[in-house]
Amino acid sequence: MTPFKEYIDSLDHEAIYANSDIKAWIPAYLIWFTLVALGAWIPWTARHIQLRPGPILFMLGCLGVVVVTTALLHRRRSPSFVTAFIILTDPIIELIMMMMVSLSATVVGKVGYGLLLLLAALAHGAYHRVSWHQPYQAVGVAVLMPIAALVDPRPENISLVGILTLGTVFLMLCTGVYAEAQFRNQQRTAAERAAMAAQMLEQANSEAAGWERQFTLLAGLHHDIGNLLATASLKSGLMLRKLRTDRLSLSVDDLEGGFSTIDEALKTVSGLITEAKKSAPTQPTERIDLVPLLKSVASQLGASAAPVILLELPASAPVDVPGGEATLKRLFDNLLRNAVEGDGKRRARNVQVALLDTGATFAVSISDDGPGFPEHLLQGRARGYFTTKSHGTGLGLVTAEALTAACRGTLRRSNRPEGGARVNVTLPRPRQTADSRAEAVA
């Protein structure tokens, strides 16, 4: 696959395809003819602009041929092919605007049409995401612009065309790079949301399967328990009837046998209920040691971002986590990355990670000397799409809170009195370990 084809496939060619229909071009043509009329035929404005319309009308005719060709391609070619054709022919629009600048005989006309040219460059740069790596449209503009100097080759026009060509290409690249960054942020945001949704869906499916098994078990137990209780009820009813009518006919053996039957039935029912409780649906978990995991995340991030990350960790810290190691890695990678990057303007120089054993839980504290949290982020739950970073998605804290909740833990954020941010994540200790620890303390 060629770089140009990769570039075309990455664009929103459906939107470009839809906006390149003849119906979409009619308003643009009306605007251009109005601009020509204002500069050449309408007396009051023509006196201030003094535009020669001939060459410009010729270029509009050439662009009309391109539009008609595009309309014909709509019916026969794929959207990606039409998008490629549009990208290669759109520089004609900048050429028409540059010819208006060159053919205007007054400063007012040159300034007015020059501003329109720059606005067109801004729009095309953002719309087609022109960048240093994908400069196809910018190169086309740079190649076609000198034609505008040939229609009126006075020295001042040649200089003006040169300056505006550089300005147009520069603006295209600037807006294109910004649009590309925004596009990649949207992709990252969509990926974050999809990953969160997939994990929550997996947990929901697992829980649903557990409840399905539980209901199936209960349906089977319902029949057994009903039979046992019916037997106990029948036996107790017969004994009660004899006690009321012919008490002397009940021997000790009859009483013992009846009570034994009732007792056996009730014990069996109690056992079935206990087994049903043991088989209650639980989310499958994986035991992970936090210590090597935190070391791994810190070393990877430290190598790429070059902060000083200090670790205060015990020998081991086992936790049971739904989703396993991937869940915890994603959680602490998000939190450590946020601590290192700060607000995007001021980064942290030192990050401290401490793991404390509180008995029933493990508490991970991540502190930094960066700018700290904005005040509104310290209140309530974090919300997505707010970020102070130029290349951020605004989903870091939201993702971290969701992952912590999935791990049955809690996340609290605060600002340190001496400056910087602190995030505390508390994760429950495995039940067996916590119970044995409590027995040892007792």
Protein backbone atom coordinates (compact mmCIF):
# COMPACT_ATOMS: atom_id res chain seq x y z
CA MET A 1 0.00 0.00 0.00
CA THR A 2 1.46 3.37 -1.04
CA PRO A 3 1.68 6.28 1.42
CA PHE A 4 -0.83 8.25 -0.68
CA LYS A 5 -3.38 5.43 -0.53
CA GLU A 6 -2.84 5.08 3.23
CA TYR A 7 -3.45 8.83 3.54
CA ILE A 8 -6.69 8.62 1.50
CA ASP A 9 -7.95 5.66 3.51
CA SER A 10 -7.32 7.54 6.76
CA LEU A 11 -9.50 10.50 5.71
CA ASP A 12 -13.24 10.80 6.21
CA HIS A 13 -13.75 10.25 2.49
CA GLU A 14 -17.51 9.70 2.95
CA ALA A 15 -17.90 13.32 4.14
CA ILE A 16 -15.57 14.64 1.41
CA TYR A 17 -17.45 12.57 -1.17
CA ALA A 18 -20.82 13.94 0.00
CA ASN A 19 -19.63 17.56 -0.08
CA SER A 20 -18.23 17.29 -3.61
CA ASP A 21 -21.59 16.81 -5.33
CA ILE A 22 -22.72 19.43 -7.90
CA LYS A 23 -25.48 20.57 -5.52
CA ALA A 24 -22.86 21.34 -2.89
CA TRP A 25 -20.79 23.31 -5.44
CA ILE A 26 -23.63 25.62 -6.57
CA PRO A 27 -23.35 27.96 -3.50
CA ALA A 28 -19.56 28.14 -3.95
CA TYR A 29 -19.94 29.13 -7.60
CA LEU A 30 -22.51 31.79 -6.71
CA ILE A 31 -20.08 33.24 -4.16
CA TRP A 32 -17.23 33.33 -6.71
CA PHE A 33 -19.32 35.02 -9.37
CA THR A 34 -20.47 37.52 -6.76
CA LEU A 35 -16.83 38.27 -5.92
CA VAL A 36 -16.03 38.73 -9.62
CA ALA A 37 -19.06 41.00 -10.02
CA LEU A 38 -18.06 43.07 -6.99
CA GLY A 39 -14.56 43.58 -8.35
CA ALA A 40 -15.32 44.04 -12.08
CA TRP A 41 -18.94 44.96 -12.87
CA ILE A 42 -20.73 46.54 -9.89
CA PRO A 43 -19.76 50.23 -10.24
CA TRP A 44 -19.26 51.28 -6.61
CA THR A 45 -17.09 48.29 -5.54
CA ALA A 46 -15.36 47.87 -8.95
CA ARG A 47 -13.95 51.37 -8.57
CA HIS A 48 -12.16 50.34 -5.36
CA ILE A 49 -11.06 46.86 -6.50
CA GLN A 50 -10.61 47.16 -10.28
CA LEU A 51 -10.59 43.46 -11.10
CA ARG A 52 -10.03 42.11 -14.62
CA PRO A 53 -12.45 39.17 -14.84
CA GLY A 54 -11.30 37.42 -18.05
CA PRO A 55 -8.58 35.06 -16.75
CA ILE A 56 -10.56 34.39 -13.58
CA LEU A 57 -13.68 33.38 -15.51
CA PHE A 58 -11.48 31.09 -17.58
CA MET A 59 -10.16 29.43 -14.41
CA LEU A 60 -13.70 29.09 -13.05
CA GLY A 61 -14.58 27.33 -16.30
CA CYS A 62 -11.66 24.93 -15.80
CA LEU A 63 -12.82 24.28 -12.25
CA GLY A 64 -16.33 23.67 -13.60
CA VAL A 65 -14.92 20.92 -15.80
CA VAL A 66 -13.28 19.39 -12.70
CA VAL A 67 -16.60 19.53 -10.80
CA VAL A 68 -18.49 17.88 -13.64
CA THR A 69 -15.81 15.18 -13.85
CA THR A 70 -16.11 14.63 -10.10
CA ALA A 71 -19.90 14.32 -10.44
CA LEU A 72 -19.47 11.67 -13.14
CA LEU A 73 -16.95 9.80 -10.99
CA HIS A 74 -19.55 9.76 -8.18
CA ARG A 75 -21.59 7.28 -10.17
CA ARG A 76 -18.79 5.04 -11.34
CA ARG A 77 -16.05 5.11 -8.75
CA SER A 78 -15.65 4.41 -5.05
CA PRO A 79 -15.68 7.27 -2.48
CA SER A 80 -11.95 6.80 -1.83
CA PHE A 81 -11.14 7.28 -5.54
CA VAL A 82 -13.27 10.45 -5.68
CA THR A 83 -11.56 11.72 -2.52
CA ALA A 84 -8.13 11.22 -4.10
CA PHE A 85 -9.26 13.10 -7.24
CA ILE A 86 -10.60 16.00 -5.14
CA ILE A 87 -7.37 16.30 -3.13
CA LEU A 88 -5.30 16.50 -6.31
CA THR A 89 -7.58 19.10 -7.95
CA ASP A 90 -8.58 21.28 -4.97
CA PRO A 91 -5.42 23.44 -5.35
CA ILE A 92 -7.19 25.03 -8.34
CA ILE A 93 -9.37 26.85 -5.81
CA GLU A 94 -6.32 28.49 -4.24
CA LEU A 95 -5.06 29.31 -7.76
CA ILE A 96 -8.32 31.15 -8.58
CA MET A 97 -8.09 33.17 -5.35
CA MET A 98 -4.44 34.01 -6.09
CA MET A 99 -5.36 35.17 -9.60
CA MET A 100 -7.96 37.50 -8.05
CA VAL A 101 -5.18 38.95 -5.90
CA SER A 102 -2.83 39.40 -8.88
CA LEU A 103 -5.46 40.94 -11.19
CA SER A 104 -6.83 43.39 -8.61
CA ALA A 105 -5.43 46.83 -9.45
CA THR A 106 -5.86 48.34 -5.97
CA VAL A 107 -4.58 47.59 -2.49
CA VAL A 108 -8.15 47.10 -1.22
CA GLY A 109 -8.75 44.35 -3.76
CA LYS A 110 -5.43 42.61 -3.10
CA VAL A 111 -5.95 42.66 0.67
CA GLY A 112 -9.57 41.48 0.44
CA TYR A 113 -8.91 38.62 -1.94
CA GLY A 114 -5.68 37.76 -0.11
CA LEU A 115 -7.60 37.26 3.13
CA LEU A 116 -10.09 35.03 1.32
CA LEU A 117 -7.18 33.00 -0.05
CA LEU A 118 -5.75 32.48 3.43
CA LEU A 119 -9.18 31.44 4.75
CA ALA A 120 -9.48 28.89 1.93
CA ALA A 121 -6.03 27.54 2.82
CA LEU A 122 -7.05 27.21 6.49
CA ALA A 123 -10.21 25.33 5.54
CA HIS A 124 -8.46 22.96 3.13
CA GLY A 125 -5.59 22.28 5.52
CA ALA A 126 -7.96 21.24 8.30
CA TYR A 127 -10.44 19.44 6.05
CA HIS A 128 -7.82 17.28 4.32
CA ARG A 129 -5.44 17.08 7.32
CA VAL A 130 -2.44 18.34 5.36
CA SER A 131 0.77 17.60 7.28
CA TRP A 132 4.53 17.30 6.81
CA HIS A 133 4.08 13.57 6.30
CA GLN A 134 1.09 13.95 3.91
CA PRO A 135 1.82 17.24 2.05
CA TYR A 136 0.15 16.34 -1.26
CA GLN A 137 -2.27 19.26 -1.39
CA ALA A 138 0.30 21.74 -0.11
CA VAL A 139 2.72 20.63 -2.86
CA GLY A 140 -0.05 21.05 -5.45
CA VAL A 141 -0.70 24.60 -4.24
CA ALA A 142 3.01 25.46 -4.32
CA VAL A 143 3.29 24.14 -7.90
CA LEU A 144 0.17 25.93 -9.26
CA MET A 145 0.57 29.31 -7.51
CA PRO A 146 3.27 30.70 -9.86
CA ILE A 147 0.70 30.55 -12.70
CA ALA A 148 -1.09 33.45 -11.00
CA ALA A 149 2.04 35.61 -11.37
CA LEU A 150 2.14 34.95 -15.13
CA VAL A 151 -1.27 36.58 -15.76
CA ASP A 152 0.15 39.95 -14.66
CA PRO A 153 3.95 39.64 -14.35
CA ARG A 154 4.71 42.97 -12.73
CA PRO A 155 7.47 42.80 -10.09
CA GLU A 156 5.12 43.68 -7.24
CA ASN A 157 2.75 40.89 -8.27
CA ILE A 158 5.56 38.33 -8.47
CA SER A 159 6.72 39.26 -4.97
CA LEU A 160 3.14 39.16 -3.66
CA VAL A 161 2.51 35.74 -5.20
CA GLY A 162 5.72 34.40 -3.66
CA ILE A 163 4.85 35.69 -0.19
CA LEU A 164 1.24 34.47 -0.33
CA THR A 165 2.32 31.08 -1.64
CA LEU A 166 4.59 30.58 1.36
CA GLY A 167 1.87 31.85 3.71
CA THR A 168 -0.77 29.59 2.17
CA VAL A 169 1.39 26.46 2.37
CA PHE A 170 2.43 27.30 5.94
CA LEU A 171 -1.17 27.82 7.08
CA MET A 172 -2.25 24.60 5.38
CA LEU A 173 0.44 22.65 7.19
CA CYS A 174 -0.27 24.29 10.57
CA THR A 175 -4.02 23.66 10.48
CA GLY A 176 -3.48 20.21 8.98
CA VAL A 177 -1.09 19.15 11.76
CA TYR A 178 -3.55 20.43 14.36
CA ALA A 179 -6.45 18.59 12.68
CA GLU A 180 -4.36 15.40 12.52
CA ALA A 181 -3.58 15.67 16.24
CA GLN A 182 -7.28 16.15 17.00
CA PHE A 183 -8.12 13.16 14.84
CA ARG A 184 -5.62 10.95 16.64
CA ASN A 185 -6.98 12.12 20.00
CA GLN A 186 -10.47 11.15 18.88
CA GLN A 187 -9.15 7.73 17.86
CA ARG A 188 -7.46 7.29 21.23
CA THR A 189 -10.63 8.41 23.00
CA ALA A 190 -12.72 5.95 21.01
CA ALA A 191 -10.20 3.18 21.75
CA GLU A 192 -10.26 3.99 25.49
CA ARG A 193 -14.05 3.96 25.55
CA ALA A 194 -14.21 0.75 23.53
CA ALA A 195 -11.71 -0.94 25.87
CA MET A 196 -13.68 0.16 28.94
CA ALA A 197 -16.95 -0.97 27.38
CA ALA A 198 -15.44 -4.33 26.37
CA GLN A 199 -14.13 -4.97 29.88
CA MET A 200 -17.42 -4.01 31.51
CA LEU A 201 -19.32 -6.12 28.98
CA GLU A 202 -17.08 -9.11 29.70
CA GLN A 203 -17.73 -8.75 33.41
CA ALA A 204 -21.47 -8.35 32.81
CA ASN A 205 -21.53 -11.47 30.62
CA SER A 206 -19.64 -13.43 33.27
CA GLU A 207 -22.05 -12.31 35.98
CA ALA A 208 -25.03 -13.07 33.76
CA ALA A 209 -23.70 -16.57 33.12
CA GLY A 210 -23.26 -17.04 36.88
CA TRP A 211 -26.82 -15.97 37.61
CA GLU A 212 -28.08 -18.25 34.85
CA ARG A 213 -26.34 -21.19 36.50
CA GLN A 214 -27.73 -20.10 39.86
CA PHE A 215 -31.30 -19.91 38.61
CA THR A 216 -30.94 -23.33 36.93
CA LEU A 217 -29.69 -24.76 40.22
CA LEU A 218 -32.52 -23.13 42.16
CA ALA A 219 -35.06 -24.47 39.70
CA GLY A 220 -33.76 -27.99 40.33
CA LEU A 221 -33.59 -27.48 44.09
CA HIS A 222 -37.13 -26.13 44.15
CA HIS A 223 -38.48 -29.57 43.20
CA ASP A 224 -36.30 -31.45 45.73
CA ILE A 225 -37.00 -29.04 48.57
CA GLY A 226 -40.72 -29.15 47.79
CA ASN A 227 -40.78 -32.95 48.02
CA LEU A 228 -38.85 -32.98 51.29
CA LEU A 229 -41.06 -30.33 52.89
CA ALA A 230 -44.17 -32.14 51.65
CA THR A 231 -42.92 -35.36 53.28
CA ALA A 232 -42.22 -33.55 56.57
CA SER A 233 -45.60 -31.83 56.44
CA LEU A 234 -47.44 -35.10 55.73
CA LYS A 235 -45.68 -36.94 58.57
CA SER A 236 -46.25 -34.13 61.06
CA GLY A 237 -49.90 -33.92 59.97
CA LEU A 238 -50.48 -37.66 60.58
CA MET A 239 -48.85 -37.45 64.00
CA LEU A 240 -50.85 -34.40 64.95
CA ARG A 241 -54.10 -36.07 63.84
CA LYS A 242 -53.36 -39.16 65.98
CA LEU A 243 -52.45 -36.99 68.94
CA ARG A 244 -55.82 -35.28 68.68
CA THR A 245 -57.99 -38.39 68.08
CA ASP A 246 -56.26 -41.43 69.58
CA ARG A 247 -53.27 -40.31 71.62
CA LEU A 248 -52.87 -43.70 73.31
CA SER A 249 -52.31 -45.48 69.98
CA LEU A 250 -49.00 -43.62 69.43
CA SER A 251 -46.10 -45.65 70.71
CA VAL A 252 -42.61 -44.34 71.50
CA ASP A 253 -41.30 -45.94 68.30
CA ASP A 254 -43.96 -44.12 66.26
CA LEU A 255 -43.00 -40.78 67.83
CA GLU A 256 -39.28 -41.35 67.32
CA GLY A 257 -39.79 -42.48 63.72
CA GLY A 258 -41.97 -39.49 62.90
CA PHE A 259 -39.64 -36.96 64.46
CA SER A 260 -36.67 -38.66 62.78
CA THR A 261 -38.34 -38.36 59.36
CA ILE A 262 -39.13 -34.69 59.92
CA ASP A 263 -35.64 -33.98 61.25
CA GLU A 264 -33.98 -35.73 58.32
CA ALA A 265 -36.07 -33.79 55.82
CA LEU A 266 -35.27 -30.44 57.44
CA LYS A 267 -31.54 -31.25 57.61
CA THR A 268 -31.54 -32.16 53.93
CA VAL A 269 -33.31 -28.90 53.06
CA SER A 270 -30.78 -26.95 55.14
CA GLY A 271 -27.92 -28.70 53.32
CA LEU A 272 -29.36 -27.91 49.90
CA ILE A 273 -29.74 -24.25 50.84
CA THR A 274 -26.10 -24.14 52.06
CA GLU A 275 -24.88 -25.65 48.78
CA ALA A 276 -26.94 -23.12 46.83
CA LYS A 277 -25.26 -20.28 48.74
CA LYS A 278 -21.82 -21.67 47.99
CA SER A 279 -22.59 -21.78 44.28
CA ALA A 280 -23.69 -18.13 44.13
CA PRO A 281 -22.28 -16.42 41.02
CA THR A 282 -18.93 -14.74 41.51
CA GLN A 283 -16.78 -12.78 39.10
CA PRO A 284 -13.75 -14.89 38.07
CA THR A 285 -10.56 -13.32 39.36
CA GLU A 286 -6.84 -13.78 39.00
CA ARG A 287 -4.33 -13.38 41.79
CA ILE A 288 -1.71 -10.76 40.97
CA ASP A 289 1.24 -9.54 43.02
CA LEU A 290 1.23 -5.74 43.00
CA VAL A 291 4.94 -5.38 43.70
CA PRO A 292 6.45 -6.71 40.43
CA LEU A 293 3.58 -5.17 38.48
CA LEU A 294 4.25 -1.68 39.86
CA LYS A 295 7.98 -2.10 39.22
CA SER A 296 7.30 -3.07 35.61
CA VAL A 297 4.96 -0.14 34.93
CA ALA A 298 7.34 2.34 36.59
CA SER A 299 10.36 1.09 34.67
CA GLN A 300 8.58 1.27 31.30
CA LEU A 301 7.25 4.76 31.95
CA GLY A 302 10.52 5.96 33.47
CA ALA A 303 12.45 4.86 30.39
CA SER A 304 10.16 6.78 28.02
CA ALA A 305 9.36 9.90 30.03
CA ALA A 306 12.60 10.22 32.05
CA PRO A 307 11.14 11.32 35.41
CA VAL A 308 12.51 10.24 38.79
CA ILE A 309 10.12 7.54 40.05
CA LEU A 310 10.77 6.43 43.63
CA LEU A 311 9.27 3.14 44.80
CA GLU A 312 8.53 2.15 48.40
CA LEU A 313 7.24 -1.41 48.15
CA PRO A 314 7.00 -4.41 50.49
CA ALA A 315 8.17 -7.89 49.53
CA SER A 316 4.80 -8.88 48.10
CA ALA A 317 1.21 -7.67 47.89
CA PRO A 318 -1.22 -10.24 46.43
CA VAL A 319 -4.66 -9.10 45.26
CA ASP A 320 -7.49 -10.88 43.43
CA VAL A 321 -8.49 -8.86 40.38
CA PRO A 322 -11.25 -9.40 37.78
CA GLY A 323 -9.64 -9.20 34.36
CA GLY A 324 -6.23 -10.16 35.71
CA GLU A 325 -2.91 -8.44 35.14
CA ALA A 326 -4.06 -6.40 32.10
CA THR A 327 -6.62 -4.56 34.25
CA LEU A 328 -4.11 -3.52 36.90
CA LYS A 329 -1.42 -2.61 34.36
CA ARG A 330 -3.81 -0.31 32.54
CA LEU A 331 -4.96 1.25 35.82
CA PHE A 332 -1.49 2.10 37.16
CA ASP A 333 -0.12 3.05 33.74
CA ASN A 334 -2.88 5.67 33.50
CA LEU A 335 -2.24 7.00 36.98
CA LEU A 336 1.56 7.12 36.68
CA ARG A 337 1.38 8.69 33.23
CA ASN A 338 -0.95 11.41 34.53
CA ALA A 339 1.42 12.04 37.45
CA VAL A 340 4.45 12.38 35.16
CA GLU A 341 2.78 14.53 32.46
CA GLY A 342 1.09 16.95 34.87
CA ASP A 343 -1.21 19.40 33.09
CA GLY A 344 0.70 19.21 29.79
CA LYS A 345 2.51 22.51 30.47
CA ARG A 346 4.35 21.62 33.66
CA ARG A 347 5.60 18.07 34.15
CA ALA A 348 6.47 16.39 37.41
CA ARG A 349 10.15 15.92 38.16
CA ASN A 350 9.65 13.41 40.96
CA VAL A 351 6.97 10.76 41.41
CA GLN A 352 6.73 8.63 44.54
CA VAL A 353 4.87 5.30 44.64
CA ALA A 354 4.25 3.81 48.08
CA LEU A 355 2.41 0.56 48.85
CA LEU A 356 1.05 0.11 52.38
CA ASP A 357 -0.38 -3.03 53.96
CA THR A 358 -3.38 -1.97 56.09
CA GLY A 359 -4.49 -5.49 57.04
CA ALA A 360 -7.69 -6.00 55.05
CA THR A 361 -6.47 -3.95 52.07
CA PHE A 362 -3.41 -2.79 50.16
CA ALA A 363 -3.19 0.97 49.64
CA VAL A 364 -1.15 2.34 46.73
CA SER A 365 -0.27 6.04 47.04
CA ILE A 366 1.06 7.91 43.95
CA SER A 367 2.39 11.41 44.72
CA ASP A 368 4.09 13.93 42.44
CA ASP A 369 5.53 17.45 42.56
CA GLY A 370 3.65 18.67 39.48
CA PRO A 371 0.93 21.35 39.28
CA GLY A 372 -1.70 19.29 41.13
CA PHE A 373 -5.36 18.76 40.26
CA PRO A 374 -7.65 21.64 39.23
CA GLU A 375 -10.14 22.35 42.01
CA HIS A 376 -13.18 21.03 40.15
CA LEU A 377 -11.50 17.62 39.62
CA LEU A 378 -11.31 17.14 43.40
CA GLN A 379 -15.11 17.17 43.70
CA GLY A 380 -17.13 14.01 42.95
CA ARG A 381 -16.45 11.58 40.15
CA ALA A 382 -14.18 12.44 37.24
CA ARG A 383 -15.87 13.25 33.94
CA GLY A 384 -14.56 12.48 30.48
CA TYR A 385 -13.39 14.85 27.73
CA PHE A 386 -11.91 17.48 30.08
CA THR A 387 -8.16 17.79 29.70
CA THR A 388 -5.51 20.46 30.13
CA LYS A 389 -3.13 18.66 27.76
CA SER A 390 -2.90 19.61 24.09
CA HIS A 391 -2.80 15.94 23.08
CA GLY A 392 -4.94 14.47 25.87
CA THR A 393 -8.22 12.59 25.58
CA GLY A 394 -9.68 13.61 28.94
CA LEU A 395 -10.38 9.95 29.79
CA GLY A 396 -7.39 9.12 32.00
CA LEU A 397 -9.08 9.64 35.37
CA VAL A 398 -12.43 8.31 34.15
CA THR A 399 -10.73 5.12 32.96
CA ALA A 400 -8.77 4.81 36.22
CA GLU A 401 -11.93 5.17 38.32
CA ALA A 402 -13.79 2.62 36.20
CA LEU A 403 -10.93 0.12 36.42
CA THR A 404 -10.59 0.62 40.19
CA ALA A 405 -14.31 0.00 40.64
CA ALA A 406 -14.01 -3.13 38.48
CA CYS A 407 -11.27 -4.35 40.85
CA ARG A 408 -13.64 -3.75 43.82
CA GLY A 409 -11.37 -0.99 45.07
CA THR A 410 -11.60 2.74 45.76
CA LEU A 411 -9.75 5.71 44.26
CA ARG A 412 -9.30 9.06 45.98
CA ARG A 413 -7.48 12.10 44.59
CA SER A 414 -6.17 15.14 46.44
CA ASN A 415 -3.54 17.86 46.30
CA ARG A 416 -0.49 17.75 48.57
CA PRO A 417 -0.04 20.69 50.99
CA GLU A 418 3.51 21.22 49.68
CA GLY A 419 2.31 21.15 46.06
CA GLY A 420 1.56 18.42 43.57
CA ALA A 421 -1.10 15.75 43.30
CA ARG A 422 -1.76 12.55 45.20
CA VAL A 423 -3.88 9.57 44.17
CA ASN A 424 -4.70 6.78 46.63
CA VAL A 425 -5.91 3.43 45.31
CA THR A 426 -7.16 0.88 47.85
CA LEU A 427 -7.55 -2.75 46.73
CA PRO A 428 -8.99 -5.54 48.92
CA ARG A 429 -6.67 -8.26 50.13
CA PRO A 430 -7.67 -11.81 49.05
CA ARG A 431 -10.27 -13.20 51.46
CA GLN A 432 -8.22 -16.23 52.56
CA THR A 433 -5.16 -14.08 53.26
CA ALA A 434 -7.19 -11.47 55.12
CA ASP A 435 -8.94 -14.12 57.26
CA SER A 436 -5.69 -15.88 58.18
CA ARG A 437 -4.08 -12.52 59.03
CA ALA A 438 -6.99 -11.64 61.29
CA GLU A 439 -6.68 -15.02 63.06
CA ALA A 440 -2.95 -14.46 63.55
CA VAL A 441 -3.55 -11.03 65.10
CA ALA A 442 -6.25 -12.51 67.37
